């Protein structure tokens, strides 16, 4: 689970298996933020992001070796730039 703080380091590196990283809302605040660094490692990994409608606050986050990203929002997603996500194969909105 991601937090509203900076999420990076060993706790946010996947295993050789299939890992899931969850970025749910925390009291209405986004937990996927600009200084987060997620590395899925080996396996087929998934990142689930619950958004308030904009991922602008996550610009600059580092996501690599995560093959599937699921974006879920209660309103229209207005800024979802995932071009810097390396290893991304499937984006579900």
C-alpha atoms as a PDB file:
ATOM      1  CA  UNK A   1       0.000   0.000   0.000  1.00  0.00           C
ATOM      2  CA  UNK A   2       1.269   3.438  -0.914  1.00  0.00           C
ATOM      3  CA  UNK A   3       0.977   6.328   1.537  1.00  0.00           C
ATOM      4  CA  UNK A   4       0.579  10.087   1.260  1.00  0.00           C
ATOM      5  CA  UNK A   5       4.303  10.348   2.097  1.00  0.00           C
ATOM      6  CA  UNK A   6       7.166   9.559  -0.293  1.00  0.00           C
ATOM      7  CA  UNK A   7       7.038   5.860  -1.182  1.00  0.00           C
ATOM      8  CA  UNK A   8      10.339   4.426  -2.395  1.00  0.00           C
ATOM      9  CA  UNK A   9      13.045   1.997  -1.392  1.00  0.00           C
ATOM     10  CA  UNK A  10      13.019  -1.723  -0.688  1.00  0.00           C
ATOM     11  CA  UNK A  11       9.380  -1.762   0.451  1.00  0.00           C
ATOM     12  CA  UNK A  12       8.333  -0.657  -3.035  1.00  0.00           C
ATOM     13  CA  UNK A  13      10.405  -3.118  -5.079  1.00  0.00           C
ATOM     14  CA  UNK A  14       8.640  -6.254  -6.226  1.00  0.00           C
ATOM     15  CA  UNK A  15       9.667  -9.850  -5.852  1.00  0.00           C
ATOM     16  CA  UNK A  16      10.397 -12.408  -8.604  1.00  0.00           C
ATOM     17  CA  UNK A  17       6.663 -13.248  -8.465  1.00  0.00           C
ATOM     18  CA  UNK A  18       3.582 -11.306  -9.522  1.00  0.00           C
ATOM     19  CA  UNK A  19       3.201  -8.277  -7.244  1.00  0.00           C
ATOM     20  CA  UNK A  20       0.413  -5.756  -6.746  1.00  0.00           C
ATOM     21  CA  UNK A  21       0.956  -2.184  -5.565  1.00  0.00           C
ATOM     22  CA  UNK A  22      -2.129  -0.297  -4.370  1.00  0.00           C
ATOM     23  CA  UNK A  23      -2.454   3.480  -4.305  1.00  0.00           C
ATOM     24  CA  UNK A  24      -5.873   4.016  -2.746  1.00  0.00           C
ATOM     25  CA  UNK A  25      -7.167   7.331  -1.447  1.00  0.00           C
ATOM     26  CA  UNK A  26      -6.295   8.135   2.171  1.00  0.00           C
ATOM     27  CA  UNK A  27      -8.991  10.352   3.696  1.00  0.00           C
ATOM     28  CA  UNK A  28      -9.580  11.743   0.201  1.00  0.00           C
ATOM     29  CA  UNK A  29      -5.896  12.406  -0.488  1.00  0.00           C
ATOM     30  CA  UNK A  30      -3.946  10.771  -3.297  1.00  0.00           C
ATOM     31  CA  UNK A  31      -1.296   8.253  -2.236  1.00  0.00           C
ATOM     32  CA  UNK A  32       0.406   8.108  -5.655  1.00  0.00           C
ATOM     33  CA  UNK A  33       2.552  11.250  -5.604  1.00  0.00           C
ATOM     34  CA  UNK A  34       5.389  12.894  -7.523  1.00  0.00           C
ATOM     35  CA  UNK A  35       8.332  11.496  -5.543  1.00  0.00           C
ATOM     36  CA  UNK A  36       7.131   7.884  -5.413  1.00  0.00           C
ATOM     37  CA  UNK A  37       9.397   5.241  -6.963  1.00  0.00           C
ATOM     38  CA  UNK A  38       7.834   1.866  -7.729  1.00  0.00           C
ATOM     39  CA  UNK A  39       9.835  -1.005  -9.233  1.00  0.00           C
ATOM     40  CA  UNK A  40       7.891  -4.168  -9.933  1.00  0.00           C
ATOM     41  CA  UNK A  41      11.013  -6.254 -10.393  1.00  0.00           C
ATOM     42  CA  UNK A  42      10.496  -9.586 -12.155  1.00  0.00           C
ATOM     43  CA  UNK A  43       7.119 -11.221 -12.684  1.00  0.00           C
ATOM     44  CA  UNK A  44       3.944  -9.687 -14.036  1.00  0.00           C
ATOM     45  CA  UNK A  45       3.154  -6.769 -11.758  1.00  0.00           C
ATOM     46  CA  UNK A  46       0.141  -4.497 -11.291  1.00  0.00           C
ATOM     47  CA  UNK A  47      -0.253  -0.958  -9.980  1.00  0.00           C
ATOM     48  CA  UNK A  48      -3.784   0.067  -8.957  1.00  0.00           C
ATOM     49  CA  UNK A  49      -4.227   3.845  -8.659  1.00  0.00           C
ATOM     50  CA  UNK A  50      -7.389   5.423  -7.257  1.00  0.00           C
ATOM     51  CA  UNK A  51      -7.511   9.048  -8.346  1.00  0.00           C
ATOM     52  CA  UNK A  52      -9.564  12.124  -7.596  1.00  0.00           C
ATOM     53  CA  UNK A  53      -9.634  12.848 -11.332  1.00  0.00           C
ATOM     54  CA  UNK A  54      -6.168  14.190 -11.992  1.00  0.00           C
ATOM     55  CA  UNK A  55      -2.756  12.621 -11.751  1.00  0.00           C
ATOM     56  CA  UNK A  56      -1.049  16.002 -12.007  1.00  0.00           C
ATOM     57  CA  UNK A  57       0.258  15.631  -8.433  1.00  0.00           C
ATOM     58  CA  UNK A  58       2.066  12.452  -9.514  1.00  0.00           C
ATOM     59  CA  UNK A  59       4.077  14.048 -12.319  1.00  0.00           C
ATOM     60  CA  UNK A  60       7.636  12.863 -11.907  1.00  0.00           C
ATOM     61  CA  UNK A  61       6.826   9.612 -10.118  1.00  0.00           C
ATOM     62  CA  UNK A  62       8.999   6.702 -11.202  1.00  0.00           C
ATOM     63  CA  UNK A  63       7.319   3.460 -12.231  1.00  0.00           C
ATOM     64  CA  UNK A  64       9.298   0.658 -13.843  1.00  0.00           C
ATOM     65  CA  UNK A  65       8.851  -3.056 -14.416  1.00  0.00           C
ATOM     66  CA  UNK A  66       5.096  -2.792 -13.757  1.00  0.00           C
ATOM     67  CA  UNK A  67       3.274  -4.374 -16.675  1.00  0.00           C
ATOM     68  CA  UNK A  68      -0.343  -3.417 -15.839  1.00  0.00           C
ATOM     69  CA  UNK A  69      -1.660  -0.123 -14.469  1.00  0.00           C
ATOM     70  CA  UNK A  70      -5.309   0.279 -13.493  1.00  0.00           C
ATOM     71  CA  UNK A  71      -6.500   3.895 -13.109  1.00  0.00           C
ATOM     72  CA  UNK A  72      -9.748   4.308 -11.214  1.00  0.00           C
ATOM     73  CA  UNK A  73     -11.376   7.709 -10.658  1.00  0.00           C
ATOM     74  CA  UNK A  74     -14.675   9.086  -9.429  1.00  0.00           C
ATOM     75  CA  UNK A  75     -14.489  11.858 -12.063  1.00  0.00           C
ATOM     76  CA  UNK A  76     -12.835  12.267 -15.448  1.00  0.00           C
ATOM     77  CA  UNK A  77      -9.107  11.619 -15.378  1.00  0.00           C
ATOM     78  CA  UNK A  78      -7.725  14.901 -16.671  1.00  0.00           C
ATOM     79  CA  UNK A  79      -3.964  14.363 -16.482  1.00  0.00           C
ATOM     80  CA  UNK A  80      -2.683  10.835 -16.834  1.00  0.00           C
ATOM     81  CA  UNK A  81       0.740  10.992 -18.409  1.00  0.00           C
ATOM     82  CA  UNK A  82       2.200   7.494 -18.140  1.00  0.00           C
ATOM     83  CA  UNK A  83       4.757   7.913 -20.924  1.00  0.00           C
ATOM     84  CA  UNK A  84       7.582   7.705 -18.382  1.00  0.00           C
ATOM     85  CA  UNK A  85       6.431   4.349 -16.992  1.00  0.00           C
ATOM     86  CA  UNK A  86       8.955   1.788 -18.268  1.00  0.00           C
ATOM     87  CA  UNK A  87       7.791  -1.752 -18.897  1.00  0.00           C
ATOM     88  CA  UNK A  88       4.092  -0.782 -19.047  1.00  0.00           C
ATOM     89  CA  UNK A  89       2.158  -3.138 -21.338  1.00  0.00           C
ATOM     90  CA  UNK A  90      -1.481  -2.564 -20.374  1.00  0.00           C
ATOM     91  CA  UNK A  91      -3.217   0.609 -19.180  1.00  0.00           C
ATOM     92  CA  UNK A  92      -6.818   0.250 -17.988  1.00  0.00           C
ATOM     93  CA  UNK A  93      -8.791   3.413 -17.293  1.00  0.00           C
END
